[in-house]
């Protein structure tokens, strides 16, 4: 799949954390047992990555370190790949948020720039920091095969950056737990989105 000179980047979202679905943001929950199983299933027997880059949050970092040890691949923490800060929504489920203020979740998804949770990181700031991290990654590891273990928001931000999407549209991208997205550099187009939301990817 990978040809000389190309940079191949696999983006892997963390598996299910303890406590199930909720707006975690930068709340540092660990993976559940099911989350660990999802992650190992997603990577399958792959070991062709030359570098693993991870969010500092435990639901990504712990698996990245375990995988790095298993396949003898170095792991680097990238603080700019931490999830978006969700302010007062952190740790709450959608049902809890709707009890507090009916309709606020729908307003957020329809206008994620102007209807942000109280105290949340501004969307443009979040996309800018993730994009800076992604640009640094490309400069540091040109032509290599990389695995980035991160969050749904980070993966959406990278895709919006690479595909030249407006940040307001990024929440239309579904990113499943332990879903894998593949990007490959292209000399004419910058990057190609090769696949999205798949489990094990052949090389």
N, C-alpha and C. Protein backbone atom coordinates (compact mmCIF):
# COMPACT_ATOMS: atom_id res chain seq x y z
N UNK A 1 0.83 -1.21 0.00
CA UNK A 1 0.00 0.00 0.00
C UNK A 1 0.86 1.26 0.00
N UNK A 2 1.81 1.31 0.93
CA UNK A 2 2.65 2.50 1.05
C UNK A 2 3.76 2.46 0.01
N UNK A 3 4.00 3.59 -0.64
CA UNK A 3 5.08 3.68 -1.63
C UNK A 3 6.16 4.61 -1.11
N UNK A 4 7.36 4.53 -1.70
CA UNK A 4 8.48 5.33 -1.23
C UNK A 4 8.13 6.82 -1.27
N UNK A 5 8.44 7.50 -0.18
CA UNK A 5 8.21 8.93 -0.11
C UNK A 5 6.87 9.31 0.46
N UNK A 6 5.91 8.39 0.49
CA UNK A 6 4.59 8.70 1.04
C UNK A 6 4.62 8.63 2.56
N UNK A 7 3.83 9.49 3.18
CA UNK A 7 3.58 9.39 4.61
C UNK A 7 2.20 8.77 4.80
N UNK A 8 2.14 7.70 5.56
CA UNK A 8 0.87 7.02 5.81
C UNK A 8 0.53 7.18 7.28
N UNK A 9 -0.66 7.70 7.55
CA UNK A 9 -1.07 7.97 8.93
C UNK A 9 -2.39 7.26 9.22
N UNK A 10 -2.36 6.39 10.20
CA UNK A 10 -3.57 5.75 10.71
C UNK A 10 -4.00 6.47 11.98
N UNK A 11 -5.25 6.91 12.00
CA UNK A 11 -5.82 7.59 13.16
C UNK A 11 -6.76 6.62 13.86
N UNK A 12 -6.46 6.29 15.10
CA UNK A 12 -7.23 5.32 15.86
C UNK A 12 -7.88 5.99 17.06
N UNK A 13 -9.21 5.95 17.10
CA UNK A 13 -9.90 6.49 18.27
C UNK A 13 -9.83 5.47 19.41
N UNK A 14 -9.76 5.98 20.63
CA UNK A 14 -9.76 5.10 21.80
C UNK A 14 -11.04 4.27 21.87
N UNK A 15 -10.97 3.16 22.59
CA UNK A 15 -12.14 2.32 22.82
C UNK A 15 -13.03 2.91 23.91
N UNK A 16 -14.01 2.13 24.32
CA UNK A 16 -14.98 2.57 25.32
C UNK A 16 -14.31 2.80 26.68
N UNK A 17 -14.48 3.99 27.28
CA UNK A 17 -13.93 4.22 28.61
C UNK A 17 -14.88 3.71 29.70
N UNK A 18 -14.35 3.58 30.91
CA UNK A 18 -15.20 3.27 32.05
C UNK A 18 -16.28 4.34 32.19
N UNK A 19 -17.51 3.89 32.45
CA UNK A 19 -18.60 4.85 32.60
C UNK A 19 -19.42 5.03 31.34
N UNK A 20 -19.02 4.38 30.23
CA UNK A 20 -19.83 4.43 29.02
C UNK A 20 -19.82 5.80 28.34
N UNK A 21 -20.83 6.02 27.53
CA UNK A 21 -20.88 7.23 26.69
C UNK A 21 -21.21 8.45 27.52
N UNK A 22 -20.37 9.46 27.38
CA UNK A 22 -20.59 10.75 28.01
C UNK A 22 -19.63 11.76 27.39
N UNK A 23 -19.84 13.03 27.65
CA UNK A 23 -18.97 14.06 27.10
C UNK A 23 -17.77 14.22 28.04
N UNK A 24 -16.67 13.54 27.72
CA UNK A 24 -15.52 13.53 28.62
C UNK A 24 -14.62 14.73 28.42
N UNK A 25 -14.41 15.13 27.17
CA UNK A 25 -13.44 16.18 26.95
C UNK A 25 -12.10 15.79 27.52
N UNK A 26 -11.58 16.58 28.45
CA UNK A 26 -10.26 16.32 29.03
C UNK A 26 -10.34 15.62 30.38
N UNK A 27 -11.53 15.15 30.76
CA UNK A 27 -11.65 14.28 31.93
C UNK A 27 -10.90 12.98 31.64
N UNK A 28 -10.02 12.58 32.56
CA UNK A 28 -9.04 11.53 32.23
C UNK A 28 -9.49 10.14 32.68
N UNK A 29 -10.56 9.63 32.09
CA UNK A 29 -11.04 8.29 32.40
C UNK A 29 -10.19 7.24 31.68
N UNK A 30 -10.11 6.06 32.28
CA UNK A 30 -9.38 4.95 31.68
C UNK A 30 -10.31 4.11 30.82
N UNK A 31 -9.72 3.23 30.01
CA UNK A 31 -10.51 2.32 29.20
C UNK A 31 -11.18 1.26 30.06
N UNK A 32 -12.38 0.86 29.66
CA UNK A 32 -13.04 -0.28 30.28
C UNK A 32 -12.41 -1.56 29.71
N UNK A 33 -12.78 -2.69 30.29
CA UNK A 33 -12.30 -3.97 29.75
C UNK A 33 -12.74 -4.13 28.30
N UNK A 34 -13.99 -3.74 28.02
CA UNK A 34 -14.48 -3.81 26.64
C UNK A 34 -13.69 -2.86 25.74
N UNK A 35 -13.32 -1.70 26.26
CA UNK A 35 -12.53 -0.75 25.48
C UNK A 35 -11.19 -1.31 25.07
N UNK A 36 -10.52 -2.02 26.01
CA UNK A 36 -9.25 -2.66 25.67
C UNK A 36 -9.45 -3.71 24.58
N UNK A 37 -10.50 -4.50 24.70
CA UNK A 37 -10.78 -5.53 23.69
C UNK A 37 -11.02 -4.88 22.32
N UNK A 38 -11.76 -3.78 22.30
CA UNK A 38 -12.01 -3.08 21.03
C UNK A 38 -10.71 -2.63 20.38
N UNK A 39 -9.80 -2.11 21.19
CA UNK A 39 -8.55 -1.59 20.65
C UNK A 39 -7.67 -2.70 20.08
N UNK A 40 -7.53 -3.79 20.82
CA UNK A 40 -6.70 -4.90 20.30
C UNK A 40 -7.32 -5.49 19.04
N UNK A 41 -8.65 -5.57 19.01
CA UNK A 41 -9.32 -6.06 17.80
C UNK A 41 -9.04 -5.15 16.62
N UNK A 42 -9.07 -3.85 16.87
CA UNK A 42 -8.91 -2.89 15.77
C UNK A 42 -7.54 -2.95 15.13
N UNK A 43 -6.50 -3.11 15.95
CA UNK A 43 -5.15 -3.14 15.36
C UNK A 43 -4.80 -4.51 14.82
N UNK A 44 -5.54 -5.55 15.24
CA UNK A 44 -5.27 -6.89 14.73
C UNK A 44 -3.82 -7.29 14.96
N UNK A 45 -3.21 -7.88 13.95
CA UNK A 45 -1.81 -8.30 14.06
C UNK A 45 -0.85 -7.32 13.42
N UNK A 46 -1.29 -6.10 13.19
CA UNK A 46 -0.43 -5.14 12.49
C UNK A 46 0.77 -4.75 13.35
N UNK A 47 1.91 -4.58 12.67
CA UNK A 47 3.11 -4.14 13.38
C UNK A 47 4.02 -3.32 12.48
N UNK A 48 3.44 -2.76 11.41
CA UNK A 48 4.26 -2.07 10.40
C UNK A 48 4.45 -0.59 10.69
N UNK A 49 3.87 -0.08 11.77
CA UNK A 49 4.06 1.34 12.09
C UNK A 49 5.48 1.58 12.58
N UNK A 50 6.05 2.69 12.15
CA UNK A 50 7.40 3.04 12.59
C UNK A 50 7.39 3.94 13.82
N UNK A 51 6.25 4.54 14.10
CA UNK A 51 6.14 5.44 15.25
C UNK A 51 4.67 5.47 15.69
N UNK A 52 4.45 5.49 17.00
CA UNK A 52 3.11 5.68 17.56
C UNK A 52 3.09 7.03 18.26
N UNK A 53 2.07 7.82 17.96
CA UNK A 53 1.88 9.14 18.59
C UNK A 53 0.56 9.09 19.34
N UNK A 54 0.52 9.60 20.56
CA UNK A 54 -0.69 9.47 21.36
C UNK A 54 -1.06 10.74 22.09
N UNK A 55 -2.34 10.91 22.31
CA UNK A 55 -2.85 11.90 23.25
C UNK A 55 -2.29 11.58 24.64
N UNK A 56 -2.11 12.58 25.50
CA UNK A 56 -1.63 12.30 26.85
C UNK A 56 -2.69 11.69 27.76
N UNK A 57 -3.97 11.71 27.36
CA UNK A 57 -5.04 11.21 28.22
C UNK A 57 -5.03 9.68 28.25
N UNK A 58 -5.33 9.11 29.42
CA UNK A 58 -5.12 7.69 29.67
C UNK A 58 -5.91 6.77 28.74
N UNK A 59 -7.08 7.18 28.30
CA UNK A 59 -7.87 6.29 27.42
C UNK A 59 -7.20 6.08 26.07
N UNK A 60 -6.22 6.90 25.76
CA UNK A 60 -5.39 6.72 24.55
C UNK A 60 -3.99 6.24 24.92
N UNK A 61 -3.39 6.93 25.88
CA UNK A 61 -1.98 6.73 26.20
C UNK A 61 -1.67 5.32 26.69
N UNK A 62 -2.52 4.78 27.57
CA UNK A 62 -2.25 3.46 28.14
C UNK A 62 -2.20 2.39 27.05
N UNK A 63 -3.13 2.47 26.10
CA UNK A 63 -3.11 1.48 25.02
C UNK A 63 -1.92 1.70 24.10
N UNK A 64 -1.61 2.96 23.79
CA UNK A 64 -0.47 3.24 22.90
C UNK A 64 0.81 2.65 23.47
N UNK A 65 1.02 2.80 24.78
CA UNK A 65 2.22 2.26 25.43
C UNK A 65 2.21 0.73 25.37
N UNK A 66 1.05 0.12 25.65
CA UNK A 66 0.96 -1.35 25.62
C UNK A 66 1.22 -1.88 24.21
N UNK A 67 0.67 -1.20 23.21
CA UNK A 67 0.89 -1.62 21.83
C UNK A 67 2.36 -1.44 21.44
N UNK A 68 2.94 -0.30 21.82
CA UNK A 68 4.34 -0.05 21.51
C UNK A 68 5.25 -1.13 22.07
N UNK A 69 4.96 -1.55 23.30
CA UNK A 69 5.75 -2.62 23.91
C UNK A 69 5.56 -3.94 23.17
N UNK A 70 4.32 -4.20 22.75
CA UNK A 70 4.04 -5.48 22.08
C UNK A 70 4.72 -5.56 20.72
N UNK A 71 4.74 -4.45 19.96
CA UNK A 71 5.28 -4.51 18.61
C UNK A 71 6.65 -3.82 18.50
N UNK A 72 7.23 -3.47 19.66
CA UNK A 72 8.57 -2.88 19.71
C UNK A 72 8.65 -1.62 18.85
N UNK A 73 7.72 -0.69 19.11
CA UNK A 73 7.64 0.56 18.35
C UNK A 73 7.64 1.74 19.32
N UNK A 74 8.45 2.77 19.05
CA UNK A 74 8.50 3.91 19.97
C UNK A 74 7.17 4.67 20.04
N UNK A 75 6.91 5.23 21.22
CA UNK A 75 5.67 5.98 21.47
C UNK A 75 6.03 7.40 21.88
N UNK A 76 5.36 8.35 21.27
CA UNK A 76 5.57 9.77 21.59
C UNK A 76 4.24 10.38 22.03
N UNK A 77 4.25 11.13 23.12
CA UNK A 77 3.06 11.86 23.57
C UNK A 77 3.01 13.20 22.85
N UNK A 78 1.83 13.52 22.31
CA UNK A 78 1.61 14.82 21.67
C UNK A 78 0.49 15.55 22.44
N UNK A 79 0.87 16.49 23.33
CA UNK A 79 -0.14 17.18 24.14
C UNK A 79 -1.21 17.89 23.32
N UNK A 80 -0.86 18.30 22.10
CA UNK A 80 -1.84 19.01 21.27
C UNK A 80 -2.94 18.09 20.75
N UNK A 81 -2.78 16.77 20.95
CA UNK A 81 -3.80 15.81 20.54
C UNK A 81 -4.72 15.41 21.69
N UNK A 82 -4.70 16.15 22.81
CA UNK A 82 -5.70 15.95 23.85
C UNK A 82 -7.07 16.35 23.29
N UNK A 83 -8.13 15.76 23.83
CA UNK A 83 -9.48 16.05 23.35
C UNK A 83 -9.85 17.50 23.62
N UNK A 84 -10.83 18.00 22.89
CA UNK A 84 -11.34 19.36 23.10
C UNK A 84 -11.88 19.47 24.52
N UNK A 85 -11.65 20.63 25.15
CA UNK A 85 -12.21 20.87 26.46
C UNK A 85 -13.70 21.18 26.36
N UNK A 86 -14.52 20.41 27.06
CA UNK A 86 -15.97 20.57 26.97
C UNK A 86 -16.56 21.40 28.10
N UNK A 87 -15.72 22.04 28.90
CA UNK A 87 -16.24 22.93 29.92
C UNK A 87 -17.19 22.24 30.89
N UNK A 88 -18.35 22.84 31.11
CA UNK A 88 -19.32 22.32 32.08
C UNK A 88 -19.99 21.02 31.63
N UNK A 89 -19.80 20.61 30.39
CA UNK A 89 -20.37 19.34 29.93
C UNK A 89 -19.51 18.14 30.32
N UNK A 90 -18.29 18.36 30.75
CA UNK A 90 -17.38 17.24 30.99
C UNK A 90 -17.93 16.29 32.05
N UNK A 91 -17.92 15.00 31.71
CA UNK A 91 -18.39 13.97 32.61
C UNK A 91 -19.88 13.71 32.57
N UNK A 92 -20.62 14.47 31.80
CA UNK A 92 -22.09 14.34 31.78
C UNK A 92 -22.55 13.56 30.55
N UNK A 93 -23.64 12.83 30.70
CA UNK A 93 -24.27 12.14 29.57
C UNK A 93 -25.20 13.10 28.85
N UNK A 94 -25.61 12.70 27.65
CA UNK A 94 -26.56 13.53 26.91
C UNK A 94 -27.88 13.68 27.68
N UNK A 95 -28.33 12.58 28.30
CA UNK A 95 -29.59 12.64 29.06
C UNK A 95 -29.48 13.63 30.21
N UNK A 96 -28.35 13.65 30.90
CA UNK A 96 -28.15 14.59 32.00
C UNK A 96 -28.16 16.04 31.50
N UNK A 97 -27.52 16.26 30.36
CA UNK A 97 -27.49 17.61 29.79
C UNK A 97 -28.88 18.07 29.36
N UNK A 98 -29.65 17.16 28.82
CA UNK A 98 -31.00 17.53 28.37
C UNK A 98 -31.92 17.83 29.56
N UNK A 99 -31.67 17.18 30.68
CA UNK A 99 -32.45 17.49 31.88
C UNK A 99 -32.14 18.89 32.36
N UNK A 100 -30.89 19.29 32.25
CA UNK A 100 -30.48 20.61 32.71
C UNK A 100 -30.98 21.72 31.79
N UNK A 101 -30.94 21.48 30.49
CA UNK A 101 -31.32 22.51 29.50
C UNK A 101 -31.78 21.81 28.23
N UNK A 102 -33.06 21.48 28.13
CA UNK A 102 -33.56 20.75 26.96
C UNK A 102 -33.20 21.45 25.64
N UNK A 103 -32.68 20.66 24.70
CA UNK A 103 -32.35 21.18 23.37
C UNK A 103 -30.93 21.67 23.22
N UNK A 104 -30.16 21.72 24.32
CA UNK A 104 -28.82 22.32 24.20
C UNK A 104 -27.87 21.45 23.38
N UNK A 105 -28.03 20.13 23.43
CA UNK A 105 -27.15 19.26 22.65
C UNK A 105 -27.42 19.45 21.16
N UNK A 106 -28.68 19.50 20.78
CA UNK A 106 -29.03 19.72 19.37
C UNK A 106 -28.50 21.07 18.89
N UNK A 107 -28.61 22.10 19.73
CA UNK A 107 -28.11 23.42 19.34
C UNK A 107 -26.60 23.38 19.12
N UNK A 108 -25.91 22.61 19.96
CA UNK A 108 -24.46 22.49 19.81
C UNK A 108 -24.09 21.84 18.48
N UNK A 109 -24.73 20.74 18.14
CA UNK A 109 -24.37 20.05 16.90
C UNK A 109 -24.75 20.86 15.66
N UNK A 110 -25.80 21.64 15.75
CA UNK A 110 -26.20 22.46 14.60
C UNK A 110 -25.33 23.70 14.44
N UNK A 111 -24.77 24.20 15.54
CA UNK A 111 -23.91 25.37 15.49
C UNK A 111 -22.81 25.24 16.54
N UNK A 112 -21.81 24.38 16.27
CA UNK A 112 -20.78 24.10 17.28
C UNK A 112 -19.83 25.27 17.55
N UNK A 113 -19.92 26.32 16.78
CA UNK A 113 -19.08 27.50 17.02
C UNK A 113 -19.75 28.44 18.02
N UNK A 114 -21.03 28.74 17.81
CA UNK A 114 -21.73 29.73 18.62
C UNK A 114 -22.57 29.15 19.75
N UNK A 115 -22.75 27.82 19.77
CA UNK A 115 -23.55 27.18 20.82
C UNK A 115 -22.70 26.21 21.63
N UNK A 116 -21.54 26.67 22.03
CA UNK A 116 -20.62 25.80 22.76
C UNK A 116 -21.05 25.65 24.22
N UNK A 117 -20.67 24.54 24.84
CA UNK A 117 -20.94 24.38 26.28
C UNK A 117 -20.27 25.51 27.07
N UNK A 118 -20.87 25.93 28.18
CA UNK A 118 -20.23 26.96 29.01
C UNK A 118 -18.83 26.55 29.44
N UNK A 119 -17.88 27.42 29.20
CA UNK A 119 -16.50 27.15 29.58
C UNK A 119 -15.73 26.26 28.63
N UNK A 120 -16.34 25.88 27.50
CA UNK A 120 -15.66 24.99 26.55
C UNK A 120 -14.56 25.72 25.79
N UNK A 121 -13.58 24.95 25.35
CA UNK A 121 -12.52 25.47 24.49
C UNK A 121 -13.14 25.96 23.18
N UNK A 122 -12.82 27.16 22.71
CA UNK A 122 -13.35 27.63 21.43
C UNK A 122 -12.96 26.67 20.30
N UNK A 123 -13.89 26.41 19.40
CA UNK A 123 -13.65 25.42 18.35
C UNK A 123 -12.48 25.81 17.47
N UNK A 124 -12.38 27.07 17.08
CA UNK A 124 -11.27 27.49 16.23
C UNK A 124 -9.92 27.29 16.93
N UNK A 125 -9.88 27.53 18.24
CA UNK A 125 -8.63 27.32 18.99
C UNK A 125 -8.27 25.84 19.02
N UNK A 126 -9.27 24.98 19.21
CA UNK A 126 -9.04 23.54 19.24
C UNK A 126 -8.51 23.05 17.91
N UNK A 127 -9.17 23.43 16.82
CA UNK A 127 -8.73 22.99 15.49
C UNK A 127 -7.32 23.50 15.21
N UNK A 128 -7.02 24.71 15.63
CA UNK A 128 -5.69 25.28 15.39
C UNK A 128 -4.61 24.49 16.13
N UNK A 129 -4.88 24.12 17.40
CA UNK A 129 -3.84 23.39 18.14
C UNK A 129 -3.65 21.98 17.58
N UNK A 130 -4.74 21.32 17.19
CA UNK A 130 -4.60 19.99 16.60
C UNK A 130 -3.88 20.08 15.26
N UNK A 131 -4.23 21.07 14.45
CA UNK A 131 -3.58 21.25 13.15
C UNK A 131 -2.09 21.52 13.32
N UNK A 132 -1.73 22.30 14.34
CA UNK A 132 -0.30 22.56 14.61
C UNK A 132 0.41 21.26 14.97
N UNK A 133 -0.25 20.42 15.78
CA UNK A 133 0.33 19.14 16.14
C UNK A 133 0.51 18.23 14.94
N UNK A 134 -0.48 18.24 14.06
CA UNK A 134 -0.43 17.41 12.86
C UNK A 134 0.68 17.89 11.92
N UNK A 135 0.82 19.19 11.76
CA UNK A 135 1.87 19.74 10.91
C UNK A 135 3.25 19.39 11.45
N UNK A 136 3.41 19.45 12.77
CA UNK A 136 4.68 19.08 13.40
C UNK A 136 4.99 17.61 13.18
N UNK A 137 3.96 16.78 13.28
CA UNK A 137 4.11 15.34 13.06
C UNK A 137 4.62 15.07 11.65
N UNK A 138 4.06 15.75 10.65
CA UNK A 138 4.48 15.55 9.26
C UNK A 138 5.93 15.98 9.05
N UNK A 139 6.31 17.06 9.73
CA UNK A 139 7.68 17.55 9.58
C UNK A 139 8.69 16.61 10.25
N UNK A 140 8.27 15.98 11.36
CA UNK A 140 9.18 15.13 12.12
C UNK A 140 9.33 13.73 11.52
N UNK A 141 8.27 13.23 10.88
CA UNK A 141 8.28 11.85 10.39
C UNK A 141 7.90 11.75 8.91
N UNK A 142 8.58 12.49 8.03
CA UNK A 142 8.21 12.43 6.61
C UNK A 142 8.47 11.05 6.03
N UNK A 143 7.55 10.57 5.21
CA UNK A 143 7.74 9.31 4.52
C UNK A 143 7.60 8.08 5.38
N UNK A 144 7.12 8.23 6.63
CA UNK A 144 7.01 7.08 7.51
C UNK A 144 5.55 6.62 7.65
N UNK A 145 5.39 5.48 8.27
CA UNK A 145 4.08 4.92 8.56
C UNK A 145 3.80 5.13 10.05
N UNK A 146 2.75 5.90 10.37
CA UNK A 146 2.50 6.35 11.72
C UNK A 146 1.13 5.91 12.21
N UNK A 147 1.03 5.66 13.51
CA UNK A 147 -0.26 5.44 14.16
C UNK A 147 -0.47 6.55 15.17
N UNK A 148 -1.60 7.23 15.06
CA UNK A 148 -1.99 8.26 16.02
C UNK A 148 -3.17 7.73 16.82
N UNK A 149 -3.00 7.62 18.14
CA UNK A 149 -4.08 7.16 19.02
C UNK A 149 -4.65 8.40 19.69
N UNK A 150 -5.91 8.69 19.38
CA UNK A 150 -6.47 9.97 19.82
C UNK A 150 -7.98 9.86 20.04
N UNK A 151 -8.65 10.99 19.96
CA UNK A 151 -10.06 11.13 20.32
C UNK A 151 -10.90 11.47 19.10
N UNK A 152 -12.20 11.30 19.24
CA UNK A 152 -13.10 11.61 18.13
C UNK A 152 -12.92 13.05 17.67
N UNK A 153 -12.86 13.99 18.62
CA UNK A 153 -12.71 15.39 18.25
C UNK A 153 -11.41 15.67 17.54
N UNK A 154 -10.33 15.04 18.00
CA UNK A 154 -9.02 15.24 17.37
C UNK A 154 -9.02 14.69 15.95
N UNK A 155 -9.60 13.52 15.77
CA UNK A 155 -9.66 12.92 14.44
C UNK A 155 -10.51 13.79 13.51
N UNK A 156 -11.63 14.29 14.02
CA UNK A 156 -12.45 15.21 13.21
C UNK A 156 -11.67 16.47 12.83
N UNK A 157 -10.92 17.00 13.79
CA UNK A 157 -10.15 18.22 13.52
C UNK A 157 -9.07 17.97 12.47
N UNK A 158 -8.39 16.82 12.55
CA UNK A 158 -7.38 16.49 11.54
C UNK A 158 -8.03 16.35 10.17
N UNK A 159 -9.17 15.67 10.11
CA UNK A 159 -9.86 15.51 8.82
C UNK A 159 -10.31 16.85 8.27
N UNK A 160 -10.81 17.73 9.12
CA UNK A 160 -11.26 19.04 8.63
C UNK A 160 -10.06 19.84 8.11
N UNK A 161 -8.91 19.68 8.75
CA UNK A 161 -7.70 20.35 8.31
C UNK A 161 -7.21 19.81 6.96
N UNK A 162 -7.14 18.49 6.87
CA UNK A 162 -6.61 17.85 5.65
C UNK A 162 -7.56 18.02 4.47
N UNK A 163 -8.86 17.93 4.72
CA UNK A 163 -9.85 17.99 3.64
C UNK A 163 -10.37 19.40 3.39
N UNK A 164 -9.79 20.38 4.08
CA UNK A 164 -10.17 21.80 3.91
C UNK A 164 -11.65 22.04 4.20
N UNK A 165 -12.15 21.37 5.23
CA UNK A 165 -13.54 21.54 5.66
C UNK A 165 -13.64 22.69 6.66
N UNK A 166 -14.75 23.42 6.67
CA UNK A 166 -14.94 24.41 7.72
C UNK A 166 -15.12 23.70 9.07
N UNK A 167 -14.55 24.23 10.15
CA UNK A 167 -14.68 23.58 11.45
C UNK A 167 -16.12 23.30 11.86
N UNK A 168 -17.04 24.16 11.46
CA UNK A 168 -18.44 23.98 11.85
C UNK A 168 -19.02 22.67 11.32
N UNK A 169 -18.41 22.10 10.27
CA UNK A 169 -18.93 20.87 9.66
C UNK A 169 -18.32 19.60 10.26
N UNK A 170 -17.35 19.73 11.14
CA UNK A 170 -16.61 18.54 11.57
C UNK A 170 -17.44 17.58 12.41
N UNK A 171 -18.47 18.09 13.10
CA UNK A 171 -19.28 17.19 13.91
C UNK A 171 -20.26 16.36 13.09
N UNK A 172 -20.23 16.53 11.78
CA UNK A 172 -21.01 15.65 10.89
C UNK A 172 -20.26 14.36 10.58
N UNK A 173 -19.02 14.26 11.04
CA UNK A 173 -18.21 13.06 10.83
C UNK A 173 -18.39 12.14 12.03
N UNK A 174 -18.86 10.94 11.79
CA UNK A 174 -18.98 9.96 12.87
C UNK A 174 -17.65 9.24 13.06
N UNK A 175 -17.19 9.17 14.30
CA UNK A 175 -15.94 8.47 14.62
C UNK A 175 -16.26 7.46 15.72
N UNK A 176 -16.28 6.19 15.38
CA UNK A 176 -16.67 5.15 16.32
C UNK A 176 -15.54 4.83 17.29
N UNK A 177 -15.89 4.31 18.46
CA UNK A 177 -14.87 3.81 19.38
C UNK A 177 -14.01 2.76 18.68
N UNK A 178 -12.70 2.91 18.77
CA UNK A 178 -11.72 2.00 18.16
C UNK A 178 -11.81 1.97 16.64
N UNK A 179 -12.44 2.97 16.04
CA UNK A 179 -12.48 3.06 14.58
C UNK A 179 -11.15 3.59 14.05
N UNK A 180 -10.77 3.12 12.87
CA UNK A 180 -9.49 3.48 12.25
C UNK A 180 -9.74 4.29 10.98
N UNK A 181 -9.00 5.37 10.84
CA UNK A 181 -9.05 6.22 9.65
C UNK A 181 -7.65 6.28 9.05
N UNK A 182 -7.56 6.14 7.74
CA UNK A 182 -6.24 6.16 7.09
C UNK A 182 -6.12 7.35 6.15
N UNK A 183 -5.01 8.05 6.30
CA UNK A 183 -4.63 9.15 5.40
C UNK A 183 -3.31 8.81 4.76
N UNK A 184 -3.15 9.19 3.49
CA UNK A 184 -1.87 8.97 2.80
C UNK A 184 -1.51 10.21 2.02
N UNK A 185 -0.25 10.60 2.13
CA UNK A 185 0.19 11.81 1.43
C UNK A 185 0.11 11.60 -0.08
N UNK A 186 -0.13 12.70 -0.78
CA UNK A 186 -0.26 12.69 -2.24
C UNK A 186 0.43 13.94 -2.76
N UNK A 187 1.36 13.77 -3.68
CA UNK A 187 2.16 14.91 -4.13
C UNK A 187 1.32 15.98 -4.81
N UNK A 188 0.18 15.60 -5.38
CA UNK A 188 -0.67 16.58 -6.08
C UNK A 188 -1.75 17.17 -5.18
N UNK A 189 -2.33 16.33 -4.33
CA UNK A 189 -3.49 16.76 -3.53
C UNK A 189 -3.17 17.00 -2.07
N UNK A 190 -1.94 16.80 -1.67
CA UNK A 190 -1.60 16.96 -0.26
C UNK A 190 -1.82 15.68 0.50
N UNK A 191 -3.09 15.30 0.68
CA UNK A 191 -3.44 14.06 1.36
C UNK A 191 -4.67 13.45 0.73
N UNK A 192 -4.73 12.12 0.75
CA UNK A 192 -5.93 11.38 0.38
C UNK A 192 -6.52 10.74 1.63
N UNK A 193 -7.85 10.77 1.74
CA UNK A 193 -8.55 9.99 2.75
C UNK A 193 -8.75 8.61 2.14
N UNK A 194 -7.98 7.64 2.61
CA UNK A 194 -8.01 6.30 2.02
C UNK A 194 -9.19 5.50 2.54
N UNK A 195 -9.43 5.57 3.84
CA UNK A 195 -10.55 4.84 4.44
C UNK A 195 -10.90 5.50 5.76
N UNK A 196 -12.14 5.24 6.22
CA UNK A 196 -12.59 5.85 7.47
C UNK A 196 -13.52 4.91 8.21
N UNK A 197 -13.27 4.75 9.51
CA UNK A 197 -14.19 4.00 10.36
C UNK A 197 -14.06 2.50 10.26
N UNK A 198 -12.95 2.02 9.71
CA UNK A 198 -12.77 0.59 9.55
C UNK A 198 -12.07 0.00 10.76
N UNK A 199 -12.07 -1.32 10.85
CA UNK A 199 -11.34 -2.01 11.90
C UNK A 199 -9.92 -2.26 11.38
N UNK A 200 -9.51 -3.52 11.25
CA UNK A 200 -8.16 -3.81 10.82
C UNK A 200 -7.98 -3.43 9.35
N UNK A 201 -6.88 -2.73 9.04
CA UNK A 201 -6.60 -2.29 7.68
C UNK A 201 -5.41 -3.07 7.14
N UNK A 202 -5.56 -3.56 5.92
CA UNK A 202 -4.44 -4.25 5.27
C UNK A 202 -3.42 -3.23 4.80
N UNK A 203 -2.17 -3.68 4.72
CA UNK A 203 -1.11 -2.78 4.21
C UNK A 203 -0.59 -3.27 2.87
